C-alpha atoms as a PDB file:
ATOM      1  CA  UNK A   1      45.925   4.930 -58.985  1.00  0.00           C
ATOM      2  CA  UNK A   2      48.623   7.633 -58.524  1.00  0.00           C
ATOM      3  CA  UNK A   3      47.765  10.914 -57.512  1.00  0.00           C
ATOM      4  CA  UNK A   4      50.428  12.173 -59.925  1.00  0.00           C
ATOM      5  CA  UNK A   5      48.211  11.448 -62.942  1.00  0.00           C
ATOM      6  CA  UNK A   6      45.406  13.677 -61.445  1.00  0.00           C
ATOM      7  CA  UNK A   7      47.852  16.316 -60.701  1.00  0.00           C
ATOM      8  CA  UNK A   8      49.339  16.164 -64.394  1.00  0.00           C
ATOM      9  CA  UNK A   9      45.725  16.236 -65.952  1.00  0.00           C
ATOM     10  CA  UNK A  10      45.246  19.061 -63.533  1.00  0.00           C
ATOM     11  CA  UNK A  11      48.220  21.215 -64.076  1.00  0.00           C
ATOM     12  CA  UNK A  12      47.656  20.332 -68.102  1.00  0.00           C
ATOM     13  CA  UNK A  13      44.225  21.834 -67.714  1.00  0.00           C
ATOM     14  CA  UNK A  14      45.377  25.236 -65.544  1.00  0.00           C
ATOM     15  CA  UNK A  15      47.788  25.775 -68.341  1.00  0.00           C
ATOM     16  CA  UNK A  16      45.094  25.608 -71.191  1.00  0.00           C
ATOM     17  CA  UNK A  17      42.913  28.015 -69.039  1.00  0.00           C
ATOM     18  CA  UNK A  18      45.850  30.414 -68.664  1.00  0.00           C
ATOM     19  CA  UNK A  19      46.589  29.883 -72.504  1.00  0.00           C
ATOM     20  CA  UNK A  20      43.071  30.865 -73.365  1.00  0.00           C
ATOM     21  CA  UNK A  21      42.306  33.694 -70.882  1.00  0.00           C
ATOM     22  CA  UNK A  22      43.229  36.203 -73.414  1.00  0.00           C
ATOM     23  CA  UNK A  23      40.059  35.546 -75.076  1.00  0.00           C
ATOM     24  CA  UNK A  24      38.300  37.178 -72.220  1.00  0.00           C
ATOM     25  CA  UNK A  25      39.620  40.658 -73.223  1.00  0.00           C
ATOM     26  CA  UNK A  26      38.096  40.015 -76.735  1.00  0.00           C
ATOM     27  CA  UNK A  27      34.876  41.899 -76.154  1.00  0.00           C
ATOM     28  CA  UNK A  28      36.844  45.077 -75.260  1.00  0.00           C
ATOM     29  CA  UNK A  29      39.191  44.663 -78.462  1.00  0.00           C
ATOM     30  CA  UNK A  30      35.911  44.490 -80.268  1.00  0.00           C
ATOM     31  CA  UNK A  31      34.857  47.759 -78.949  1.00  0.00           C
ATOM     32  CA  UNK A  32      38.002  49.306 -80.406  1.00  0.00           C
ATOM     33  CA  UNK A  33      38.480  47.450 -83.613  1.00  0.00           C
ATOM     34  CA  UNK A  34      35.076  45.661 -84.691  1.00  0.00           C
ATOM     35  CA  UNK A  35      35.922  45.034 -88.352  1.00  0.00           C
ATOM     36  CA  UNK A  36      38.429  42.464 -88.273  1.00  0.00           C
ATOM     37  CA  UNK A  37      37.125  40.676 -85.314  1.00  0.00           C
ATOM     38  CA  UNK A  38      33.243  40.556 -85.945  1.00  0.00           C
ATOM     39  CA  UNK A  39      33.394  37.129 -88.041  1.00  0.00           C
ATOM     40  CA  UNK A  40      35.444  35.541 -85.271  1.00  0.00           C
ATOM     41  CA  UNK A  41      33.472  36.829 -82.338  1.00  0.00           C
ATOM     42  CA  UNK A  42      30.167  35.490 -83.806  1.00  0.00           C
ATOM     43  CA  UNK A  43      31.537  32.209 -84.735  1.00  0.00           C
ATOM     44  CA  UNK A  44      32.927  31.974 -80.996  1.00  0.00           C
ATOM     45  CA  UNK A  45      29.067  33.012 -79.701  1.00  0.00           C
ATOM     46  CA  UNK A  46      27.484  30.492 -81.673  1.00  0.00           C
ATOM     47  CA  UNK A  47      29.776  27.678 -80.479  1.00  0.00           C
ATOM     48  CA  UNK A  48      29.659  28.874 -77.049  1.00  0.00           C
ATOM     49  CA  UNK A  49      26.001  29.177 -77.127  1.00  0.00           C
ATOM     50  CA  UNK A  50      25.655  25.350 -78.428  1.00  0.00           C
ATOM     51  CA  UNK A  51      27.921  24.367 -75.366  1.00  0.00           C
ATOM     52  CA  UNK A  52      25.588  25.758 -73.011  1.00  0.00           C
ATOM     53  CA  UNK A  53      22.783  23.972 -74.905  1.00  0.00           C
ATOM     54  CA  UNK A  54      24.213  20.705 -74.433  1.00  0.00           C
ATOM     55  CA  UNK A  55      24.880  21.442 -70.775  1.00  0.00           C
ATOM     56  CA  UNK A  56      21.159  22.564 -70.709  1.00  0.00           C
ATOM     57  CA  UNK A  57      20.450  18.810 -71.941  1.00  0.00           C
ATOM     58  CA  UNK A  58      22.132  17.496 -68.864  1.00  0.00           C
ATOM     59  CA  UNK A  59      20.224  19.752 -66.638  1.00  0.00           C
ATOM     60  CA  UNK A  60      17.026  18.334 -67.854  1.00  0.00           C
ATOM     61  CA  UNK A  61      18.042  14.630 -67.621  1.00  0.00           C
ATOM     62  CA  UNK A  62      19.174  15.749 -64.135  1.00  0.00           C
ATOM     63  CA  UNK A  63      15.649  17.157 -63.370  1.00  0.00           C
ATOM     64  CA  UNK A  64      14.158  14.053 -64.750  1.00  0.00           C
ATOM     65  CA  UNK A  65      16.318  12.052 -62.573  1.00  0.00           C
ATOM     66  CA  UNK A  66      15.268  14.343 -59.568  1.00  0.00           C
ATOM     67  CA  UNK A  67      11.654  14.008 -60.022  1.00  0.00           C
ATOM     68  CA  UNK A  68      12.008  10.375 -60.395  1.00  0.00           C
ATOM     69  CA  UNK A  69      14.293   9.505 -57.281  1.00  0.00           C
ATOM     70  CA  UNK A  70      12.449  11.781 -55.021  1.00  0.00           C
ATOM     71  CA  UNK A  71       9.079  10.237 -55.707  1.00  0.00           C
ATOM     72  CA  UNK A  72      10.575   6.811 -54.921  1.00  0.00           C
ATOM     73  CA  UNK A  73      12.057   8.126 -51.971  1.00  0.00           C
ATOM     74  CA  UNK A  74       8.415   9.325 -50.828  1.00  0.00           C
ATOM     75  CA  UNK A  75       6.980   5.892 -51.854  1.00  0.00           C
ATOM     76  CA  UNK A  76       9.509   3.754 -50.259  1.00  0.00           C
ATOM     77  CA  UNK A  77       9.476   5.990 -46.972  1.00  0.00           C
ATOM     78  CA  UNK A  78       5.747   6.297 -46.310  1.00  0.00           C
ATOM     79  CA  UNK A  79       4.577   3.199 -48.221  1.00  0.00           C
ATOM     80  CA  UNK A  80       6.990   0.706 -46.660  1.00  0.00           C
ATOM     81  CA  UNK A  81       8.934   2.295 -44.016  1.00  0.00           C
ATOM     82  CA  UNK A  82      12.397   2.045 -46.044  1.00  0.00           C
ATOM     83  CA  UNK A  83      15.223   4.458 -46.602  1.00  0.00           C
ATOM     84  CA  UNK A  84      18.470   4.303 -48.691  1.00  0.00           C
ATOM     85  CA  UNK A  85      21.264   6.540 -48.416  1.00  0.00           C
ATOM     86  CA  UNK A  86      22.218   6.106 -51.927  1.00  0.00           C
ATOM     87  CA  UNK A  87      18.811   7.009 -53.055  1.00  0.00           C
ATOM     88  CA  UNK A  88      18.924  10.177 -50.924  1.00  0.00           C
ATOM     89  CA  UNK A  89      22.081  11.237 -52.409  1.00  0.00           C
ATOM     90  CA  UNK A  90      20.872  10.574 -55.797  1.00  0.00           C
ATOM     91  CA  UNK A  91      18.465  13.565 -55.246  1.00  0.00           C
ATOM     92  CA  UNK A  92      21.077  15.753 -53.810  1.00  0.00           C
ATOM     93  CA  UNK A  93      23.417  15.361 -56.518  1.00  0.00           C
ATOM     94  CA  UNK A  94      20.502  15.500 -59.190  1.00  0.00           C
ATOM     95  CA  UNK A  95      19.278  18.751 -57.523  1.00  0.00           C
ATOM     96  CA  UNK A  96      22.826  20.272 -57.907  1.00  0.00           C
ATOM     97  CA  UNK A  97      23.360  19.196 -61.372  1.00  0.00           C
ATOM     98  CA  UNK A  98      20.177  20.498 -62.663  1.00  0.00           C
ATOM     99  CA  UNK A  99      21.252  24.203 -61.569  1.00  0.00           C
ATOM    100  CA  UNK A 100      24.716  23.951 -62.200  1.00  0.00           C
ATOM    101  CA  UNK A 101      24.507  22.697 -65.598  1.00  0.00           C
ATOM    102  CA  UNK A 102      21.658  24.912 -66.335  1.00  0.00           C
ATOM    103  CA  UNK A 103      22.733  28.070 -65.110  1.00  0.00           C
ATOM    104  CA  UNK A 104      24.813  28.906 -68.410  1.00  0.00           C
ATOM    105  CA  UNK A 105      21.976  28.526 -70.458  1.00  0.00           C
ATOM    106  CA  UNK A 106      19.631  30.566 -68.265  1.00  0.00           C
ATOM    107  CA  UNK A 107      22.411  33.351 -68.624  1.00  0.00           C
ATOM    108  CA  UNK A 108      22.230  32.854 -72.537  1.00  0.00           C
ATOM    109  CA  UNK A 109      18.613  33.187 -72.471  1.00  0.00           C
ATOM    110  CA  UNK A 110      18.291  35.983 -70.038  1.00  0.00           C
ATOM    111  CA  UNK A 111      16.259  33.997 -67.896  1.00  0.00           C
ATOM    112  CA  UNK A 112      18.371  34.809 -64.476  1.00  0.00           C
ATOM    113  CA  UNK A 113      16.431  37.225 -62.045  1.00  0.00           C
ATOM    114  CA  UNK A 114      17.965  40.674 -62.075  1.00  0.00           C
ATOM    115  CA  UNK A 115      18.173  42.571 -59.009  1.00  0.00           C
ATOM    116  CA  UNK A 116      19.646  45.926 -60.069  1.00  0.00           C
ATOM    117  CA  UNK A 117      17.734  48.968 -60.099  1.00  0.00           C
ATOM    118  CA  UNK A 118      19.961  51.043 -62.471  1.00  0.00           C
ATOM    119  CA  UNK A 119      19.870  49.103 -65.608  1.00  0.00           C
ATOM    120  CA  UNK A 120      16.034  49.468 -66.449  1.00  0.00           C
ATOM    121  CA  UNK A 121      16.576  53.174 -66.225  1.00  0.00           C
ATOM    122  CA  UNK A 122      19.187  53.341 -69.194  1.00  0.00           C
ATOM    123  CA  UNK A 123      18.430  52.948 -72.748  1.00  0.00           C
ATOM    124  CA  UNK A 124      19.373  50.069 -74.803  1.00  0.00           C
ATOM    125  CA  UNK A 125      22.879  51.567 -75.360  1.00  0.00           C
ATOM    126  CA  UNK A 126      23.547  52.001 -71.585  1.00  0.00           C
ATOM    127  CA  UNK A 127      21.638  48.382 -70.599  1.00  0.00           C
ATOM    128  CA  UNK A 128      24.792  47.048 -72.791  1.00  0.00           C
ATOM    129  CA  UNK A 129      27.428  48.791 -71.118  1.00  0.00           C
ATOM    130  CA  UNK A 130      25.980  47.775 -67.964  1.00  0.00           C
ATOM    131  CA  UNK A 131      26.052  44.227 -69.266  1.00  0.00           C
ATOM    132  CA  UNK A 132      29.664  44.375 -69.848  1.00  0.00           C
ATOM    133  CA  UNK A 133      30.612  45.915 -66.517  1.00  0.00           C
ATOM    134  CA  UNK A 134      28.413  43.361 -64.800  1.00  0.00           C
ATOM    135  CA  UNK A 135      30.176  40.563 -66.506  1.00  0.00           C
ATOM    136  CA  UNK A 136      33.778  42.173 -66.123  1.00  0.00           C
ATOM    137  CA  UNK A 137      33.427  43.303 -62.519  1.00  0.00           C
ATOM    138  CA  UNK A 138      31.478  40.256 -60.810  1.00  0.00           C
ATOM    139  CA  UNK A 139      30.929  37.149 -63.165  1.00  0.00           C
ATOM    140  CA  UNK A 140      34.423  36.587 -64.211  1.00  0.00           C
ATOM    141  CA  UNK A 141      36.031  37.634 -61.054  1.00  0.00           C
ATOM    142  CA  UNK A 142      33.879  35.283 -59.175  1.00  0.00           C
ATOM    143  CA  UNK A 143      34.016  32.127 -61.381  1.00  0.00           C
ATOM    144  CA  UNK A 144      37.662  32.445 -61.505  1.00  0.00           C
ATOM    145  CA  UNK A 145      37.918  32.607 -57.590  1.00  0.00           C
ATOM    146  CA  UNK A 146      35.764  29.381 -57.487  1.00  0.00           C
ATOM    147  CA  UNK A 147      38.022  27.799 -59.843  1.00  0.00           C
ATOM    148  CA  UNK A 148      41.237  28.713 -57.902  1.00  0.00           C
ATOM    149  CA  UNK A 149      39.429  27.721 -54.478  1.00  0.00           C
ATOM    150  CA  UNK A 150      38.538  24.023 -55.969  1.00  0.00           C
ATOM    151  CA  UNK A 151      41.791  23.064 -57.354  1.00  0.00           C
ATOM    152  CA  UNK A 152      43.639  21.474 -54.523  1.00  0.00           C
ATOM    153  CA  UNK A 153      40.554  19.866 -52.927  1.00  0.00           C
ATOM    154  CA  UNK A 154      39.350  18.580 -56.532  1.00  0.00           C
ATOM    155  CA  UNK A 155      42.664  17.042 -57.465  1.00  0.00           C
ATOM    156  CA  UNK A 156      42.828  15.096 -53.833  1.00  0.00           C
ATOM    157  CA  UNK A 157      39.131  14.111 -54.353  1.00  0.00           C
ATOM    158  CA  UNK A 158      39.555  12.720 -57.996  1.00  0.00           C
ATOM    159  CA  UNK A 159      43.229  10.898 -56.672  1.00  0.00           C
ATOM    160  CA  UNK A 160      41.199   9.025 -53.716  1.00  0.00           C
ATOM    161  CA  UNK A 161      37.979   8.448 -55.933  1.00  0.00           C
ATOM    162  CA  UNK A 162      36.263  10.085 -53.209  1.00  0.00           C
ATOM    163  CA  UNK A 163      32.758   8.544 -52.200  1.00  0.00           C
ATOM    164  CA  UNK A 164      30.257   9.104 -49.878  1.00  0.00           C
ATOM    165  CA  UNK A 165      30.818   8.880 -45.974  1.00  0.00           C
ATOM    166  CA  UNK A 166      27.871   6.657 -45.497  1.00  0.00           C
ATOM    167  CA  UNK A 167      28.693   2.978 -45.837  1.00  0.00           C
ATOM    168  CA  UNK A 168      25.521   2.720 -48.338  1.00  0.00           C
ATOM    169  CA  UNK A 169      26.074   5.975 -49.862  1.00  0.00           C
ATOM    170  CA  UNK A 170      27.224   6.630 -53.563  1.00  0.00           C
ATOM    171  CA  UNK A 171      30.756   6.229 -54.456  1.00  0.00           C
ATOM    172  CA  UNK A 172      30.768   9.246 -56.588  1.00  0.00           C
ATOM    173  CA  UNK A 173      31.491  12.416 -54.444  1.00  0.00           C
ATOM    174  CA  UNK A 174      34.462  13.346 -56.403  1.00  0.00           C
ATOM    175  CA  UNK A 175      32.057  13.782 -59.502  1.00  0.00           C
ATOM    176  CA  UNK A 176      29.714  15.892 -57.371  1.00  0.00           C
ATOM    177  CA  UNK A 177      32.655  18.221 -56.414  1.00  0.00           C
ATOM    178  CA  UNK A 178      33.604  18.547 -59.997  1.00  0.00           C
ATOM    179  CA  UNK A 179      30.080  20.145 -60.679  1.00  0.00           C
ATOM    180  CA  UNK A 180      31.296  23.294 -59.183  1.00  0.00           C
ATOM    181  CA  UNK A 181      34.440  24.020 -61.406  1.00  0.00           C
ATOM    182  CA  UNK A 182      32.249  22.924 -64.251  1.00  0.00           C
ATOM    183  CA  UNK A 183      29.559  25.427 -63.553  1.00  0.00           C
ATOM    184  CA  UNK A 184      32.498  28.210 -63.133  1.00  0.00           C
ATOM    185  CA  UNK A 185      33.767  27.207 -66.575  1.00  0.00           C
ATOM    186  CA  UNK A 186      30.363  27.213 -68.137  1.00  0.00           C
ATOM    187  CA  UNK A 187      29.365  30.400 -66.777  1.00  0.00           C
ATOM    188  CA  UNK A 188      32.807  32.080 -67.941  1.00  0.00           C
ATOM    189  CA  UNK A 189      32.510  30.844 -71.192  1.00  0.00           C
ATOM    190  CA  UNK A 190      28.624  32.168 -71.552  1.00  0.00           C
ATOM    191  CA  UNK A 191      29.706  35.204 -69.888  1.00  0.00           C
ATOM    192  CA  UNK A 192      32.125  35.867 -72.545  1.00  0.00           C
ATOM    193  CA  UNK A 193      29.421  35.034 -75.229  1.00  0.00           C
ATOM    194  CA  UNK A 194      27.147  37.626 -73.573  1.00  0.00           C
ATOM    195  CA  UNK A 195      30.087  40.371 -73.634  1.00  0.00           C
ATOM    196  CA  UNK A 196      30.686  39.517 -77.085  1.00  0.00           C
ATOM    197  CA  UNK A 197      26.996  40.085 -77.971  1.00  0.00           C
ATOM    198  CA  UNK A 198      26.860  43.653 -75.900  1.00  0.00           C
ATOM    199  CA  UNK A 199      30.319  44.600 -77.537  1.00  0.00           C
ATOM    200  CA  UNK A 200      28.808  43.703 -81.136  1.00  0.00           C
ATOM    201  CA  UNK A 201      25.512  45.564 -80.116  1.00  0.00           C
ATOM    202  CA  UNK A 202      27.510  48.681 -78.849  1.00  0.00           C
ATOM    203  CA  UNK A 203      29.493  48.816 -82.487  1.00  0.00           C
ATOM    204  CA  UNK A 204      26.376  48.379 -84.491  1.00  0.00           C
ATOM    205  CA  UNK A 205      27.095  44.686 -85.561  1.00  0.00           C
ATOM    206  CA  UNK A 206      24.321  42.833 -83.867  1.00  0.00           C
ATOM    207  CA  UNK A 207      20.745  43.732 -83.715  1.00  0.00           C
ATOM    208  CA  UNK A 208      19.901  45.451 -80.292  1.00  0.00           C
ATOM    209  CA  UNK A 209      17.801  42.969 -77.747  1.00  0.00           C
ATOM    210  CA  UNK A 210      14.272  43.644 -77.102  1.00  0.00           C
ATOM    211  CA  UNK A 211      13.318  45.392 -73.941  1.00  0.00           C
ATOM    212  CA  UNK A 212      11.229  42.798 -72.847  1.00  0.00           C
ATOM    213  CA  UNK A 213      12.835  39.398 -71.589  1.00  0.00           C
ATOM    214  CA  UNK A 214      12.097  36.038 -73.322  1.00  0.00           C
ATOM    215  CA  UNK A 215       9.544  35.144 -70.445  1.00  0.00           C
ATOM    216  CA  UNK A 216       7.597  38.248 -70.224  1.00  0.00           C
ATOM    217  CA  UNK A 217       9.540  39.831 -67.770  1.00  0.00           C
ATOM    218  CA  UNK A 218      11.261  43.134 -68.082  1.00  0.00           C
ATOM    219  CA  UNK A 219      14.954  43.483 -67.960  1.00  0.00           C
ATOM    220  CA  UNK A 220      16.199  44.350 -64.332  1.00  0.00           C
ATOM    221  CA  UNK A 221      13.117  43.299 -62.713  1.00  0.00           C
END
């Protein structure tokens, strides 16, 4: 298959991303002019959160595949003395997919471990400002950088339908490499959702989040 096809698709997706990039400024506009943007912001939040939920379904499926394939690896190796590269690669691919696809829903549900020491010292309003600052200063730039770094290599990998370097490996390395930009896109969109929620809380258009995290941990722990 001609590499030009994948270059064209990649170029189209790049321009689509650039066209949609002004949406990242929506939370800041919401702080300045909340009334006309509130309804659109809440609609966008619900759609993004739903997409992260679908990705979580993929992460759960990957976790099931991971457990099953790892169990099979152990049984074959220690009971029959057999080892297959393709089976070991399934374990690696499933492990990566579980985390890459599940990270956005973890951000949505506030399940990521927070290591900052300042956030818990602020009140509810201060925590929302810290959330906004963290998203714009760290999450967005890092994820955008990941997308820029993977662009050329991913195009080449798809053009070649790159597979394993091992003769009995899986011919799916190009899909494995796609997980990284997929992770970046999911995190950017979920970061936008979280920034919108923080902006809505700061403008009084959304109820403040409770101080205690969903799994019993405290914010900032």
